[in-house]
C-alpha atoms as a PDB file:
ATOM      1  CA  MET A   1       0.008  -0.059   0.033  1.00  0.00           C
ATOM      2  CA  MET A   2       1.491   3.461  -1.011  1.00  0.00           C
ATOM      3  CA  PHE A   3       0.190   6.967  -0.592  1.00  0.00           C
ATOM      4  CA  GLU A   4       0.871  10.131  -2.300  1.00  0.00           C
ATOM      5  CA  ILE A   5       2.650  12.809  -0.446  1.00  0.00           C
ATOM      6  CA  ILE A   6       2.128  16.466  -0.951  1.00  0.00           C
ATOM      7  CA  GLY A   7       3.571  19.561   0.807  1.00  0.00           C
ATOM      8  CA  PRO A   8       6.899  21.504   0.841  1.00  0.00           C
ATOM      9  CA  CYS A   9       9.016  18.599  -0.434  1.00  0.00           C
ATOM     10  CA  ARG A  10       8.319  16.538  -3.658  1.00  0.00           C
ATOM     11  CA  SER A  11       8.107  12.932  -2.665  1.00  0.00           C
ATOM     12  CA  ARG A  12      10.694  10.415  -4.179  1.00  0.00           C
ATOM     13  CA  ALA A  13       9.297   7.104  -5.641  1.00  0.00           C
ATOM     14  CA  ASN A  14      11.268   5.092  -3.016  1.00  0.00           C
ATOM     15  CA  ASP A  15      10.355   7.508  -0.180  1.00  0.00           C
ATOM     16  CA  PRO A  16       9.828   5.364   2.889  1.00  0.00           C
ATOM     17  CA  ARG A  17       6.968   7.609   3.911  1.00  0.00           C
ATOM     18  CA  ARG A  18       4.748   6.267   1.205  1.00  0.00           C
ATOM     19  CA  HIS A  19       4.726   3.083   3.036  1.00  0.00           C
ATOM     20  CA  LEU A  20       4.105   3.950   6.716  1.00  0.00           C
ATOM     21  CA  VAL A  21       1.195   4.182   8.892  1.00  0.00           C
ATOM     22  CA  PHE A  22       0.753   5.907  12.359  1.00  0.00           C
ATOM     23  CA  SER A  23      -1.277   5.305  15.314  1.00  0.00           C
ATOM     24  CA  ARG A  24      -2.656   8.316  17.386  1.00  0.00           C
ATOM     25  CA  ALA A  25       0.056   7.777  20.052  1.00  0.00           C
ATOM     26  CA  ALA A  26       2.766   7.355  17.483  1.00  0.00           C
ATOM     27  CA  MET A  27       1.889  10.707  15.507  1.00  0.00           C
ATOM     28  CA  ARG A  28       1.730  12.326  18.704  1.00  0.00           C
ATOM     29  CA  GLU A  29       5.285  11.349  19.611  1.00  0.00           C
ATOM     30  CA  VAL A  30       6.537  12.443  16.098  1.00  0.00           C
ATOM     31  CA  ASP A  31       5.130  15.941  16.764  1.00  0.00           C
ATOM     32  CA  ARG A  32       6.391  16.095  20.200  1.00  0.00           C
ATOM     33  CA  ALA A  33       9.867  14.960  19.215  1.00  0.00           C
ATOM     34  CA  ALA A  34      10.125  17.103  16.106  1.00  0.00           C
ATOM     35  CA  ILE A  35       9.362  20.165  18.451  1.00  0.00           C
ATOM     36  CA  GLU A  36      11.271  19.289  21.620  1.00  0.00           C
ATOM     37  CA  GLU A  37      14.159  17.274  20.332  1.00  0.00           C
ATOM     38  CA  HIS A  38      14.813  18.627  16.798  1.00  0.00           C
ATOM     39  CA  GLY A  39      13.799  22.130  17.702  1.00  0.00           C
ATOM     40  CA  ILE A  40      11.162  22.638  15.031  1.00  0.00           C
ATOM     41  CA  PRO A  41       8.608  25.296  16.294  1.00  0.00           C
ATOM     42  CA  GLY A  42       5.060  24.131  16.071  1.00  0.00           C
ATOM     43  CA  ILE A  43       4.115  27.019  14.093  1.00  0.00           C
ATOM     44  CA  VAL A  44       6.650  25.945  11.347  1.00  0.00           C
ATOM     45  CA  LEU A  45       5.006  22.676  11.214  1.00  0.00           C
ATOM     46  CA  MET A  46       1.584  24.238  11.004  1.00  0.00           C
ATOM     47  CA  GLU A  47       2.801  26.388   8.173  1.00  0.00           C
ATOM     48  CA  ASN A  48       4.161  23.427   6.249  1.00  0.00           C
ATOM     49  CA  ALA A  49       0.622  21.781   6.922  1.00  0.00           C
ATOM     50  CA  ALA A  50      -0.856  24.915   5.217  1.00  0.00           C
ATOM     51  CA  THR A  51       1.207  24.315   2.283  1.00  0.00           C
ATOM     52  CA  ALA A  52       0.099  20.831   1.735  1.00  0.00           C
ATOM     53  CA  LEU A  53      -3.772  21.714   2.570  1.00  0.00           C
ATOM     54  CA  LEU A  54      -3.496  24.475  -0.013  1.00  0.00           C
ATOM     55  CA  ALA A  55      -2.348  22.070  -2.737  1.00  0.00           C
ATOM     56  CA  GLY A  56      -5.362  19.882  -1.790  1.00  0.00           C
ATOM     57  CA  ALA A  57      -7.727  22.694  -1.891  1.00  0.00           C
ATOM     58  CA  LEU A  58      -6.593  24.021  -5.177  1.00  0.00           C
ATOM     59  CA  GLU A  59      -7.080  20.661  -6.594  1.00  0.00           C
ATOM     60  CA  LEU A  60     -10.786  20.528  -5.452  1.00  0.00           C
ATOM     61  CA  LEU A  61     -11.259  23.915  -6.807  1.00  0.00           C
ATOM     62  CA  GLU A  62      -9.763  23.452 -10.104  1.00  0.00           C
ATOM     63  CA  GLY A  63     -12.130  24.729 -12.899  1.00  0.00           C
ATOM     64  CA  VAL A  64     -14.291  26.708 -10.584  1.00  0.00           C
ATOM     65  CA  GLU A  65     -14.795  30.091 -12.245  1.00  0.00           C
ATOM     66  CA  HIS A  66     -15.515  32.049  -9.005  1.00  0.00           C
ATOM     67  CA  PRO A  67     -13.796  29.928  -6.335  1.00  0.00           C
ATOM     68  CA  SER A  68     -15.033  30.531  -2.601  1.00  0.00           C
ATOM     69  CA  ALA A  69     -14.140  28.545   0.434  1.00  0.00           C
ATOM     70  CA  LEU A  70     -15.684  28.153   4.002  1.00  0.00           C
ATOM     71  CA  ILE A  71     -13.245  27.110   6.618  1.00  0.00           C
ATOM     72  CA  CYS A  72     -14.788  25.508   9.819  1.00  0.00           C
ATOM     73  CA  CYS A  73     -12.199  25.852  12.454  1.00  0.00           C
ATOM     74  CA  GLY A  74     -12.170  24.402  16.024  1.00  0.00           C
ATOM     75  CA  PRO A  75      -9.859  25.847  18.705  1.00  0.00           C
ATOM     76  CA  GLY A  76      -7.182  23.344  18.611  1.00  0.00           C
ATOM     77  CA  ASN A  77      -4.135  22.706  16.232  1.00  0.00           C
ATOM     78  CA  ASN A  78      -6.544  21.184  13.533  1.00  0.00           C
ATOM     79  CA  GLY A  79      -8.334  24.721  13.619  1.00  0.00           C
ATOM     80  CA  GLY A  80      -5.056  26.430  13.498  1.00  0.00           C
ATOM     81  CA  ASP A  81      -4.117  24.636  10.374  1.00  0.00           C
ATOM     82  CA  GLY A  82      -7.567  25.587   8.908  1.00  0.00           C
ATOM     83  CA  LEU A  83      -6.794  29.348   9.703  1.00  0.00           C
ATOM     84  CA  ALA A  84      -3.322  29.061   8.148  1.00  0.00           C
ATOM     85  CA  LEU A  85      -4.965  27.681   5.045  1.00  0.00           C
ATOM     86  CA  ALA A  86      -7.548  30.420   4.943  1.00  0.00           C
ATOM     87  CA  ARG A  87      -4.959  33.244   4.489  1.00  0.00           C
ATOM     88  CA  ARG A  88      -3.344  31.287   1.944  1.00  0.00           C
ATOM     89  CA  LEU A  89      -6.619  30.680  -0.084  1.00  0.00           C
ATOM     90  CA  GLN A  90      -7.186  34.393   0.315  1.00  0.00           C
ATOM     91  CA  ASN A  91      -3.903  35.161  -1.189  1.00  0.00           C
ATOM     92  CA  GLU A  92      -4.713  32.796  -4.092  1.00  0.00           C
ATOM     93  CA  GLY A  93      -7.738  35.072  -4.915  1.00  0.00           C
ATOM     94  CA  VAL A  94     -10.377  32.553  -3.375  1.00  0.00           C
ATOM     95  CA  ARG A  95     -13.137  34.350  -1.558  1.00  0.00           C
ATOM     96  CA  THR A  96     -12.661  33.007   1.980  1.00  0.00           C
ATOM     97  CA  ALA A  97     -14.691  32.893   5.321  1.00  0.00           C
ATOM     98  CA  CYS A  98     -13.739  31.279   8.504  1.00  0.00           C
ATOM     99  CA  LEU A  99     -16.330  29.848  10.904  1.00  0.00           C
ATOM    100  CA  LEU A 100     -14.894  29.557  14.456  1.00  0.00           C
ATOM    101  CA  SER A 101     -16.690  26.825  16.421  1.00  0.00           C
ATOM    102  CA  ARG A 102     -15.681  28.600  19.877  1.00  0.00           C
ATOM    103  CA  THR A 103     -15.314  32.311  20.819  1.00  0.00           C
ATOM    104  CA  ALA A 104     -11.738  33.699  19.951  1.00  0.00           C
ATOM    105  CA  GLU A 105     -10.575  33.534  23.672  1.00  0.00           C
ATOM    106  CA  ALA A 106     -10.638  29.669  23.364  1.00  0.00           C
ATOM    107  CA  TYR A 107      -7.834  29.950  20.446  1.00  0.00           C
ATOM    108  CA  THR A 108      -4.419  29.476  22.110  1.00  0.00           C
ATOM    109  CA  GLY A 109      -0.871  28.816  21.006  1.00  0.00           C
ATOM    110  CA  ASP A 110      -0.208  28.584  17.329  1.00  0.00           C
ATOM    111  CA  ALA A 111      -3.917  28.361  16.590  1.00  0.00           C
ATOM    112  CA  ARG A 112      -4.178  31.758  18.198  1.00  0.00           C
ATOM    113  CA  VAL A 113      -1.115  33.213  16.178  1.00  0.00           C
ATOM    114  CA  ASN A 114      -2.976  32.225  12.853  1.00  0.00           C
ATOM    115  CA  LEU A 115      -6.311  33.668  14.026  1.00  0.00           C
ATOM    116  CA  GLN A 116      -4.477  36.931  14.672  1.00  0.00           C
ATOM    117  CA  ILE A 117      -2.919  36.900  11.430  1.00  0.00           C
ATOM    118  CA  ALA A 118      -6.197  36.077   9.675  1.00  0.00           C
ATOM    119  CA  GLU A 119      -7.894  38.936  11.550  1.00  0.00           C
ATOM    120  CA  SER A 120      -5.183  41.241  10.530  1.00  0.00           C
ATOM    121  CA  MET A 121      -5.688  40.413   6.864  1.00  0.00           C
ATOM    122  CA  CYS A 122      -9.458  41.230   7.391  1.00  0.00           C
ATOM    123  CA  LEU A 123     -10.764  37.831   6.458  1.00  0.00           C
ATOM    124  CA  ARG A 124     -14.345  37.201   7.126  1.00  0.00           C
ATOM    125  CA  ILE A 125     -14.481  35.583  10.554  1.00  0.00           C
ATOM    126  CA  SER A 126     -17.605  34.639  12.390  1.00  0.00           C
ATOM    127  CA  VAL A 127     -18.095  32.775  15.660  1.00  0.00           C
ATOM    128  CA  ALA A 128     -20.708  30.006  15.455  1.00  0.00           C
ATOM    129  CA  ASP A 129     -24.048  30.652  17.312  1.00  0.00           C
ATOM    130  CA  GLY A 130     -23.658  28.630  20.579  1.00  0.00           C
ATOM    131  CA  ALA A 131     -26.983  26.926  20.277  1.00  0.00           C
ATOM    132  CA  ALA A 132     -27.257  26.623  16.475  1.00  0.00           C
ATOM    133  CA  PRO A 133     -23.818  26.666  14.589  1.00  0.00           C
ATOM    134  CA  GLU A 134     -25.386  25.406  11.548  1.00  0.00           C
ATOM    135  CA  GLU A 135     -27.336  28.835  11.124  1.00  0.00           C
ATOM    136  CA  THR A 136     -24.122  30.826  11.247  1.00  0.00           C
ATOM    137  CA  ALA A 137     -22.714  28.392   8.697  1.00  0.00           C
ATOM    138  CA  ALA A 138     -25.571  28.878   6.416  1.00  0.00           C
ATOM    139  CA  GLN A 139     -25.380  32.712   6.770  1.00  0.00           C
ATOM    140  CA  LEU A 140     -21.687  32.564   5.799  1.00  0.00           C
ATOM    141  CA  ALA A 141     -22.396  30.371   2.941  1.00  0.00           C
ATOM    142  CA  HIS A 142     -25.064  32.590   1.615  1.00  0.00           C
ATOM    143  CA  GLU A 143     -22.694  35.706   1.800  1.00  0.00           C
ATOM    144  CA  LEU A 144     -20.176  33.595  -0.350  1.00  0.00           C
ATOM    145  CA  GLY A 145     -22.851  32.765  -2.752  1.00  0.00           C
ATOM    146  CA  GLY A 146     -22.595  29.157  -1.725  1.00  0.00           C
ATOM    147  CA  PRO A 147     -19.033  28.057  -1.129  1.00  0.00           C
ATOM    148  CA  ALA A 148     -17.439  25.802  -3.773  1.00  0.00           C
ATOM    149  CA  LEU A 149     -15.186  24.323  -1.051  1.00  0.00           C
ATOM    150  CA  ILE A 150     -15.989  23.636   2.615  1.00  0.00           C
ATOM    151  CA  VAL A 151     -12.879  22.768   4.846  1.00  0.00           C
ATOM    152  CA  ASP A 152     -13.410  20.758   7.975  1.00  0.00           C
ATOM    153  CA  ALA A 153     -10.812  21.789  10.380  1.00  0.00           C
ATOM    154  CA  LEU A 154     -12.964  21.089  13.488  1.00  0.00           C
ATOM    155  CA  PHE A 155     -11.501  18.142  15.185  1.00  0.00           C
ATOM    156  CA  GLY A 156      -8.144  16.235  14.708  1.00  0.00           C
ATOM    157  CA  THR A 157      -6.576  12.949  15.597  1.00  0.00           C
ATOM    158  CA  GLY A 158      -7.125  13.495  19.289  1.00  0.00           C
ATOM    159  CA  LEU A 159     -10.866  12.995  19.206  1.00  0.00           C
ATOM    160  CA  THR A 160     -11.925   9.799  21.084  1.00  0.00           C
ATOM    161  CA  ARG A 161     -15.625  10.156  21.768  1.00  0.00           C
ATOM    162  CA  ALA A 162     -18.761  11.296  19.722  1.00  0.00           C
ATOM    163  CA  ILE A 163     -19.194  15.049  18.771  1.00  0.00           C
ATOM    164  CA  GLU A 164     -21.855  16.356  21.081  1.00  0.00           C
ATOM    165  CA  ALA A 165     -24.622  18.983  20.292  1.00  0.00           C
ATOM    166  CA  PRO A 166     -24.547  21.603  19.187  1.00  0.00           C
ATOM    167  CA  THR A 167     -21.453  20.981  17.028  1.00  0.00           C
ATOM    168  CA  ASP A 168     -22.960  17.645  15.799  1.00  0.00           C
ATOM    169  CA  ARG A 169     -25.515  19.820  13.766  1.00  0.00           C
ATOM    170  CA  LEU A 170     -22.575  21.701  12.122  1.00  0.00           C
ATOM    171  CA  ILE A 171     -21.155  18.344  11.046  1.00  0.00           C
ATOM    172  CA  GLU A 172     -24.709  17.545   9.598  1.00  0.00           C
ATOM    173  CA  TRP A 173     -24.758  20.769   7.840  1.00  0.00           C
ATOM    174  CA  ILE A 174     -21.414  20.237   6.142  1.00  0.00           C
ATOM    175  CA  ASN A 175     -22.686  16.914   4.825  1.00  0.00           C
ATOM    176  CA  ARG A 176     -25.701  18.421   3.610  1.00  0.00           C
ATOM    177  CA  ALA A 177     -23.867  21.177   1.681  1.00  0.00           C
ATOM    178  CA  ARG A 178     -21.557  18.454   0.233  1.00  0.00           C
ATOM    179  CA  SER A 179     -24.836  16.788  -0.999  1.00  0.00           C
ATOM    180  CA  GLY A 180     -25.781  19.984  -2.463  1.00  0.00           C
ATOM    181  CA  GLY A 181     -22.554  20.247  -4.621  1.00  0.00           C
ATOM    182  CA  ALA A 182     -19.970  21.700  -2.406  1.00  0.00           C
ATOM    183  CA  LYS A 183     -16.553  20.017  -2.306  1.00  0.00           C
ATOM    184  CA  THR A 184     -15.296  18.987   1.146  1.00  0.00           C
ATOM    185  CA  LEU A 185     -11.725  18.720   2.367  1.00  0.00           C
ATOM    186  CA  ALA A 186     -10.844  17.342   5.619  1.00  0.00           C
ATOM    187  CA  VAL A 187      -7.849  18.490   7.575  1.00  0.00           C
ATOM    188  CA  ASP A 188      -5.801  15.512   8.773  1.00  0.00           C
ATOM    189  CA  ILE A 189      -8.978  13.356   9.436  1.00  0.00           C
ATOM    190  CA  PRO A 190     -12.783  13.890   9.045  1.00  0.00           C
ATOM    191  CA  SER A 191     -14.128  15.158  12.341  1.00  0.00           C
ATOM    192  CA  GLY A 192     -15.989  12.390  14.050  1.00  0.00           C
ATOM    193  CA  LEU A 193     -13.728   9.523  12.765  1.00  0.00           C
ATOM    194  CA  ASP A 194     -11.439   7.526  15.144  1.00  0.00           C
ATOM    195  CA  THR A 195      -7.735   7.770  14.253  1.00  0.00           C
ATOM    196  CA  ASP A 196      -6.809   4.229  15.059  1.00  0.00           C
ATOM    197  CA  SER A 197      -9.952   2.457  13.887  1.00  0.00           C
ATOM    198  CA  GLY A 198     -11.262   4.351  11.041  1.00  0.00           C
ATOM    199  CA  GLU A 199     -14.822   3.863  12.446  1.00  0.00           C
ATOM    200  CA  PRO A 200     -17.147   6.992  13.090  1.00  0.00           C
ATOM    201  CA  LEU A 201     -17.377   7.658  16.763  1.00  0.00           C
ATOM    202  CA  GLY A 202     -20.866   9.298  16.074  1.00  0.00           C
ATOM    203  CA  PRO A 203     -21.704  11.971  13.382  1.00  0.00           C
ATOM    204  CA  ALA A 204     -18.874  12.358  11.118  1.00  0.00           C
ATOM    205  CA  VAL A 205     -17.990  14.553   8.169  1.00  0.00           C
ATOM    206  CA  ARG A 206     -18.011  12.876   4.799  1.00  0.00           C
ATOM    207  CA  ALA A 207     -15.097  14.250   2.629  1.00  0.00           C
ATOM    208  CA  ASP A 208     -14.163  14.394  -1.062  1.00  0.00           C
ATOM    209  CA  LEU A 209     -10.455  14.724  -0.087  1.00  0.00           C
ATOM    210  CA  THR A 210      -8.617  14.259   3.240  1.00  0.00           C
ATOM    211  CA  VAL A 211      -5.216  15.582   3.482  1.00  0.00           C
ATOM    212  CA  THR A 212      -3.777  13.829   6.534  1.00  0.00           C
ATOM    213  CA  LEU A 213      -0.684  15.445   7.916  1.00  0.00           C
ATOM    214  CA  GLY A 214       2.815  14.040   8.855  1.00  0.00           C
ATOM    215  CA  GLY A 215       1.894  10.433   7.824  1.00  0.00           C
ATOM    216  CA  MET A 216      -1.027   8.129   6.947  1.00  0.00           C
ATOM    217  CA  LYS A 217      -3.274   7.368  10.066  1.00  0.00           C
ATOM    218  CA  GLN A 218      -3.699   3.536  10.451  1.00  0.00           C
ATOM    219  CA  GLY A 219      -7.509   4.123  10.727  1.00  0.00           C
ATOM    220  CA  LEU A 220      -7.688   5.854   7.454  1.00  0.00           C
ATOM    221  CA  ALA A 221      -5.696   2.982   5.665  1.00  0.00           C
ATOM    222  CA  ARG A 222      -8.606   0.865   6.409  1.00  0.00           C
ATOM    223  CA  GLU A 223     -10.781   0.412   3.177  1.00  0.00           C
ATOM    224  CA  GLY A 224     -14.209   0.939   5.061  1.00  0.00           C
ATOM    225  CA  ALA A 225     -12.777   4.474   6.026  1.00  0.00           C
ATOM    226  CA  ARG A 226     -13.134   5.699   2.497  1.00  0.00           C
ATOM    227  CA  ALA A 227     -16.778   6.328   2.902  1.00  0.00           C
ATOM    228  CA  TRP A 228     -16.000   9.244   5.151  1.00  0.00           C
ATOM    229  CA  THR A 229     -12.280  10.375   3.900  1.00  0.00           C
ATOM    230  CA  GLY A 230     -12.760  10.398   0.076  1.00  0.00           C
ATOM    231  CA  ARG A 231      -9.475  10.425  -1.591  1.00  0.00           C
ATOM    232  CA  ILE A 232      -6.564  10.584   0.830  1.00  0.00           C
ATOM    233  CA  GLU A 233      -3.213  12.396   0.360  1.00  0.00           C
ATOM    234  CA  VAL A 234      -0.390  12.573   2.822  1.00  0.00           C
ATOM    235  CA  GLY A 235       0.685  16.081   3.639  1.00  0.00           C
ATOM    236  CA  ASP A 236       4.392  16.619   4.281  1.00  0.00           C
ATOM    237  CA  ILE A 237       4.868  18.786   7.387  1.00  0.00           C
ATOM    238  CA  GLY A 238       8.729  18.561   7.581  1.00  0.00           C
ATOM    239  CA  ALA A 239       8.939  16.207  10.466  1.00  0.00           C
ATOM    240  CA  PRO A 240      12.467  14.366  10.170  1.00  0.00           C
ATOM    241  CA  ILE A 241      12.429  11.377   8.210  1.00  0.00           C
ATOM    242  CA  GLU A 242      14.156   9.418  11.058  1.00  0.00           C
ATOM    243  CA  LEU A 243      11.312  10.255  13.434  1.00  0.00           C
ATOM    244  CA  LEU A 244       8.764   8.860  10.707  1.00  0.00           C
ATOM    245  CA  GLU A 245      10.684   5.630  10.326  1.00  0.00           C
ATOM    246  CA  ALA A 246      11.117   5.161  14.130  1.00  0.00           C
ATOM    247  CA  HIS A 247       7.457   5.457  14.838  1.00  0.00           C
ATOM    248  CA  GLY A 248       5.633   4.495  11.669  1.00  0.00           C
ATOM    249  CA  ARG A 249       4.754   0.784  10.695  1.00  0.00           C
ATOM    250  CA  THR A 250       4.181  -0.923   7.346  1.00  0.00           C
ATOM    251  CA  PRO A 251       0.437  -1.714   7.236  1.00  0.00           C
END
């Protein structure tokens, strides 16, 4: 089993990353060691993630005459990746809006940095209604004229339980918008899917493309997961190859 790798570096045909899969714990250790042992700032890994995500997003927008994107961002690093992607899409001439699932105060660390950059660029940013987030999403979608692309940057690989109300209604709205013709890009893993098993924990996003970051997650490599992931590409975030080889395994 081999996976395509996109991102800052062009993947070689014999790149060992094309054959490796990672559990939730293994990928977490890769991230930790990249930052703490190799001195790569987390914000650099996030920026590399945005480069890979941009390539995937532009693939989905290819041929769209008036491209637009709605980025749904949670408060963690997954949301930070989405915010970094948002400003890159804006720079590419894509009309872009961001929907925050929490108030701005909940965004900390690298996610907070990217939120502040997005704010400084005057991107359209709205906080989801605490009781009915799908209504805020629908309003933003209306302002965009119906987004050609929806980006799921709500929950990442750390999710271990079903997404609860009211965010579950936002997941359902994303899936309805996809059924209505919007393309959906999942950041790292579709929100609601378990990283290790590839099974939905409850309501889960159905994506056209999943750009999974750093390495292929073992649950995504499972054939049954494709109903949620769509096509999968591995996004290179610049983690040292020796870390990937040490913590990944062949499926």
